[in-house]
């Protein structure tokens, strides 16, 4: 018999799926929570997350070992995403701004689904947006490397052709924001509908005090 935990994981995973393509005429359908039982702490109990083998915005090969020692607020997306990813970045920026000054602020990170267009040079330009966190990281890789990373975090995506569009294709994808600790372990995650102040309140349960 399947366990209750299995059904809980299946429920929250399905709630994270973005049903409309980024840039579709119908607009983005933002994911909703699977219920009040999915609390700040319980979301870290699914065992999501794992090793990555990717390339950063400087063209340097990196793994999860390169990001240990500091908390990370990470999402999967792509730079040309016209609606879901900008919403995610707004949530990240406002939630970081809402954190108490005495707590360590996690680095922001984008892992791109789109290696064809999101080259290291493009990622460098993207994360250099003056409104984005100064220590933001952009990662890309081969399609196989990206797929392997996405599977570790239960991130779902598929290409959707838009031949009449200037960008040619978009991605249908899930919209989770993961908080990873200084050992690259997922402590919790958020969906794109959540209030940034609530996200900050949740993160404050895990973040260490800032040095100095």
Protein backbone atom coordinates (compact mmCIF):
# COMPACT_ATOMS: atom_id res chain seq x y z
CA UNK A 1 0.00 0.00 0.00
CA UNK A 2 1.31 3.44 -0.91
CA UNK A 3 2.21 5.62 2.04
CA UNK A 4 0.58 8.92 2.93
CA UNK A 5 3.94 10.60 2.40
CA UNK A 6 3.97 9.39 -1.22
CA UNK A 7 0.56 10.90 -1.89
CA UNK A 8 1.57 14.14 -0.16
CA UNK A 9 4.63 14.40 -2.40
CA UNK A 10 2.58 13.64 -5.49
CA UNK A 11 0.05 16.28 -4.50
CA UNK A 12 2.55 19.07 -3.95
CA UNK A 13 4.44 18.13 -7.11
CA UNK A 14 1.30 18.37 -9.20
CA UNK A 15 0.49 21.72 -7.60
CA UNK A 16 3.86 23.09 -8.74
CA UNK A 17 3.30 22.30 -12.42
CA UNK A 18 2.82 25.38 -14.53
CA UNK A 19 -0.04 24.36 -16.83
CA UNK A 20 0.27 27.24 -19.26
CA UNK A 21 3.36 27.88 -21.33
CA UNK A 22 5.41 30.95 -20.50
CA UNK A 23 4.20 33.54 -22.94
CA UNK A 24 1.01 31.73 -23.95
CA UNK A 25 -1.95 33.84 -24.92
CA UNK A 26 -3.91 32.53 -21.95
CA UNK A 27 -1.28 33.80 -19.52
CA UNK A 28 0.53 32.12 -16.71
CA UNK A 29 -1.40 29.90 -14.35
CA UNK A 30 0.47 30.34 -11.11
CA UNK A 31 0.86 27.24 -8.98
CA UNK A 32 -1.12 26.93 -5.77
CA UNK A 33 -0.32 25.12 -2.52
CA UNK A 34 -1.62 21.62 -1.95
CA UNK A 35 -2.93 22.52 1.47
CA UNK A 36 -2.25 23.95 4.89
CA UNK A 37 -0.40 20.79 5.92
CA UNK A 38 2.44 21.77 3.58
CA UNK A 39 4.16 23.97 6.12
CA UNK A 40 7.45 25.77 5.98
CA UNK A 41 9.24 22.91 7.74
CA UNK A 42 7.44 19.90 6.25
CA UNK A 43 8.30 20.91 2.71
CA UNK A 44 11.92 20.09 3.44
CA UNK A 45 11.10 16.47 4.26
CA UNK A 46 10.61 15.16 0.72
CA UNK A 47 14.26 14.49 0.04
CA UNK A 48 14.34 16.68 -3.05
CA UNK A 49 17.64 18.07 -4.29
CA UNK A 50 20.97 16.52 -5.09
CA UNK A 51 24.20 16.90 -7.01
CA UNK A 52 24.58 19.17 -10.03
CA UNK A 53 27.22 19.29 -12.75
CA UNK A 54 26.77 22.53 -14.71
CA UNK A 55 28.53 25.64 -16.06
CA UNK A 56 28.30 29.08 -14.44
CA UNK A 57 27.98 32.51 -16.03
CA UNK A 58 31.77 32.71 -16.33
CA UNK A 59 31.93 29.52 -18.38
CA UNK A 60 33.44 27.57 -15.48
CA UNK A 61 32.32 24.02 -14.73
CA UNK A 62 30.77 23.81 -11.25
CA UNK A 63 29.15 21.26 -8.97
CA UNK A 64 27.16 21.55 -5.77
CA UNK A 65 30.47 21.53 -3.88
CA UNK A 66 31.17 25.02 -5.19
CA UNK A 67 28.06 26.37 -3.49
CA UNK A 68 28.39 24.78 -0.07
CA UNK A 69 29.17 27.09 2.81
CA UNK A 70 26.39 29.55 1.97
CA UNK A 71 22.60 29.41 1.75
CA UNK A 72 21.05 29.57 -1.72
CA UNK A 73 17.61 30.57 -3.01
CA UNK A 74 17.36 28.79 -6.36
CA UNK A 75 14.84 28.31 -9.16
CA UNK A 76 14.74 26.71 -12.61
CA UNK A 77 13.71 28.91 -15.53
CA UNK A 78 15.23 30.77 -18.47
CA UNK A 79 16.12 34.33 -19.32
CA UNK A 80 13.58 34.81 -22.12
CA UNK A 81 10.62 33.60 -20.05
CA UNK A 82 8.14 36.48 -20.35
CA UNK A 83 5.89 35.93 -17.33
CA UNK A 84 6.48 33.13 -14.79
CA UNK A 85 10.19 33.79 -14.25
CA UNK A 86 9.80 37.55 -13.73
CA UNK A 87 7.18 36.75 -11.08
CA UNK A 88 9.62 34.36 -9.40
CA UNK A 89 12.39 36.96 -9.44
CA UNK A 90 10.05 39.52 -7.88
CA UNK A 91 9.26 37.07 -5.08
CA UNK A 92 12.95 36.41 -4.53
CA UNK A 93 13.91 40.08 -4.46
CA UNK A 94 11.10 41.18 -2.16
CA UNK A 95 11.56 38.21 0.18
CA UNK A 96 15.28 38.94 0.52
CA UNK A 97 14.52 42.59 1.19
CA UNK A 98 12.10 41.49 3.92
CA UNK A 99 14.68 39.44 5.83
CA UNK A 100 16.01 40.87 9.09
CA UNK A 101 19.38 42.57 8.74
CA UNK A 102 20.92 40.33 11.39
CA UNK A 103 20.42 37.19 9.28
CA UNK A 104 22.60 35.91 6.49
CA UNK A 105 20.94 36.57 3.14
CA UNK A 106 21.10 33.63 0.71
CA UNK A 107 22.53 34.00 -2.77
CA UNK A 108 20.01 33.91 -5.62
CA UNK A 109 20.48 31.33 -8.36
CA UNK A 110 18.90 30.56 -11.74
CA UNK A 111 19.42 27.19 -13.41
CA UNK A 112 18.39 27.65 -17.03
CA UNK A 113 16.33 25.12 -18.97
CA UNK A 114 17.50 26.78 -22.21
CA UNK A 115 21.18 26.07 -22.98
CA UNK A 116 20.79 27.01 -26.64
CA UNK A 117 19.99 30.65 -25.86
CA UNK A 118 21.23 31.00 -22.28
CA UNK A 119 24.95 30.93 -22.90
CA UNK A 120 27.31 32.04 -20.13
CA UNK A 121 27.48 35.46 -21.79
CA UNK A 122 23.69 35.81 -21.81
CA UNK A 123 23.49 34.68 -18.18
CA UNK A 124 26.14 37.23 -17.21
CA UNK A 125 24.07 39.99 -18.75
CA UNK A 126 20.88 38.69 -17.13
CA UNK A 127 22.17 38.47 -13.58
CA UNK A 128 23.85 41.87 -13.95
CA UNK A 129 20.42 43.51 -13.83
CA UNK A 130 20.90 46.27 -11.23
CA UNK A 131 17.63 45.33 -9.55
CA UNK A 132 18.72 41.72 -8.98
CA UNK A 133 20.76 40.55 -5.97
CA UNK A 134 24.44 41.40 -6.36
CA UNK A 135 25.60 37.86 -5.66
CA UNK A 136 23.19 36.15 -8.06
CA UNK A 137 24.49 33.11 -9.97
CA UNK A 138 23.38 31.82 -13.38
CA UNK A 139 23.94 28.20 -14.40
CA UNK A 140 23.62 26.36 -17.70
CA UNK A 141 25.07 23.21 -19.23
CA UNK A 142 24.35 20.55 -21.80
CA UNK A 143 20.74 19.39 -22.18
CA UNK A 144 21.72 16.18 -20.41
CA UNK A 145 23.32 18.03 -17.49
CA UNK A 146 20.30 20.29 -17.09
CA UNK A 147 17.88 17.36 -17.23
CA UNK A 148 19.87 15.54 -14.55
CA UNK A 149 19.82 18.60 -12.26
CA UNK A 150 16.09 19.12 -12.83
CA UNK A 151 15.34 15.51 -11.96
CA UNK A 152 17.19 15.87 -8.66
CA UNK A 153 14.86 18.73 -7.71
CA UNK A 154 11.68 17.27 -9.25
CA UNK A 155 11.56 20.24 -11.65
CA UNK A 156 9.37 19.59 -14.68
CA UNK A 157 9.72 21.26 -18.08
CA UNK A 158 9.05 20.75 -21.77
CA UNK A 159 9.55 22.81 -24.92
CA UNK A 160 6.54 24.34 -26.61
CA UNK A 161 6.97 25.63 -30.16
CA UNK A 162 5.69 29.12 -31.03
CA UNK A 163 6.53 29.47 -34.69
CA UNK A 164 4.67 32.78 -35.02
CA UNK A 165 6.56 34.28 -32.09
CA UNK A 166 9.81 36.19 -32.35
CA UNK A 167 11.38 33.93 -29.72
CA UNK A 168 10.42 30.73 -31.55
CA UNK A 169 9.81 28.50 -28.56
CA UNK A 170 8.98 28.67 -24.87
CA UNK A 171 8.98 26.24 -21.96
CA UNK A 172 6.13 24.86 -19.90
CA UNK A 173 7.71 24.42 -16.50
CA UNK A 174 7.19 24.06 -12.78
CA UNK A 175 7.63 27.12 -10.59
CA UNK A 176 9.32 26.17 -7.33
CA UNK A 177 11.81 28.33 -5.43
CA UNK A 178 14.16 26.18 -3.31
CA UNK A 179 15.95 27.25 -0.15
CA UNK A 180 19.17 25.24 0.17
CA UNK A 181 21.35 25.33 3.25
CA UNK A 182 25.13 25.62 3.42
CA UNK A 183 25.43 21.89 2.78
CA UNK A 184 23.33 22.07 -0.42
CA UNK A 185 20.34 20.41 1.24
CA UNK A 186 16.79 21.61 0.55
CA UNK A 187 15.33 23.05 3.75
CA UNK A 188 12.03 24.19 2.20
CA UNK A 189 10.59 25.50 -1.04
CA UNK A 190 8.03 28.06 -2.16
CA UNK A 191 5.56 28.41 -4.98
CA UNK A 192 5.26 31.52 -7.11
CA UNK A 193 1.96 32.62 -5.54
CA UNK A 194 3.36 33.04 -2.02
CA UNK A 195 3.68 36.36 -0.23
CA UNK A 196 7.34 37.46 -0.05
CA UNK A 197 6.92 38.42 3.61
CA UNK A 198 5.72 34.89 4.37
CA UNK A 199 8.70 33.53 2.46
CA UNK A 200 11.04 35.70 4.52
CA UNK A 201 9.39 34.61 7.75
CA UNK A 202 9.86 30.97 6.74
CA UNK A 203 13.49 31.44 5.68
CA UNK A 204 14.26 33.14 8.99
CA UNK A 205 13.70 29.76 10.68
CA UNK A 206 16.74 28.37 8.89
CA UNK A 207 19.14 31.19 8.10
CA UNK A 208 22.16 31.71 10.39
CA UNK A 209 23.01 35.05 11.92
CA UNK A 210 25.12 37.33 9.78
CA UNK A 211 28.75 37.70 10.74
CA UNK A 212 30.09 41.00 11.96
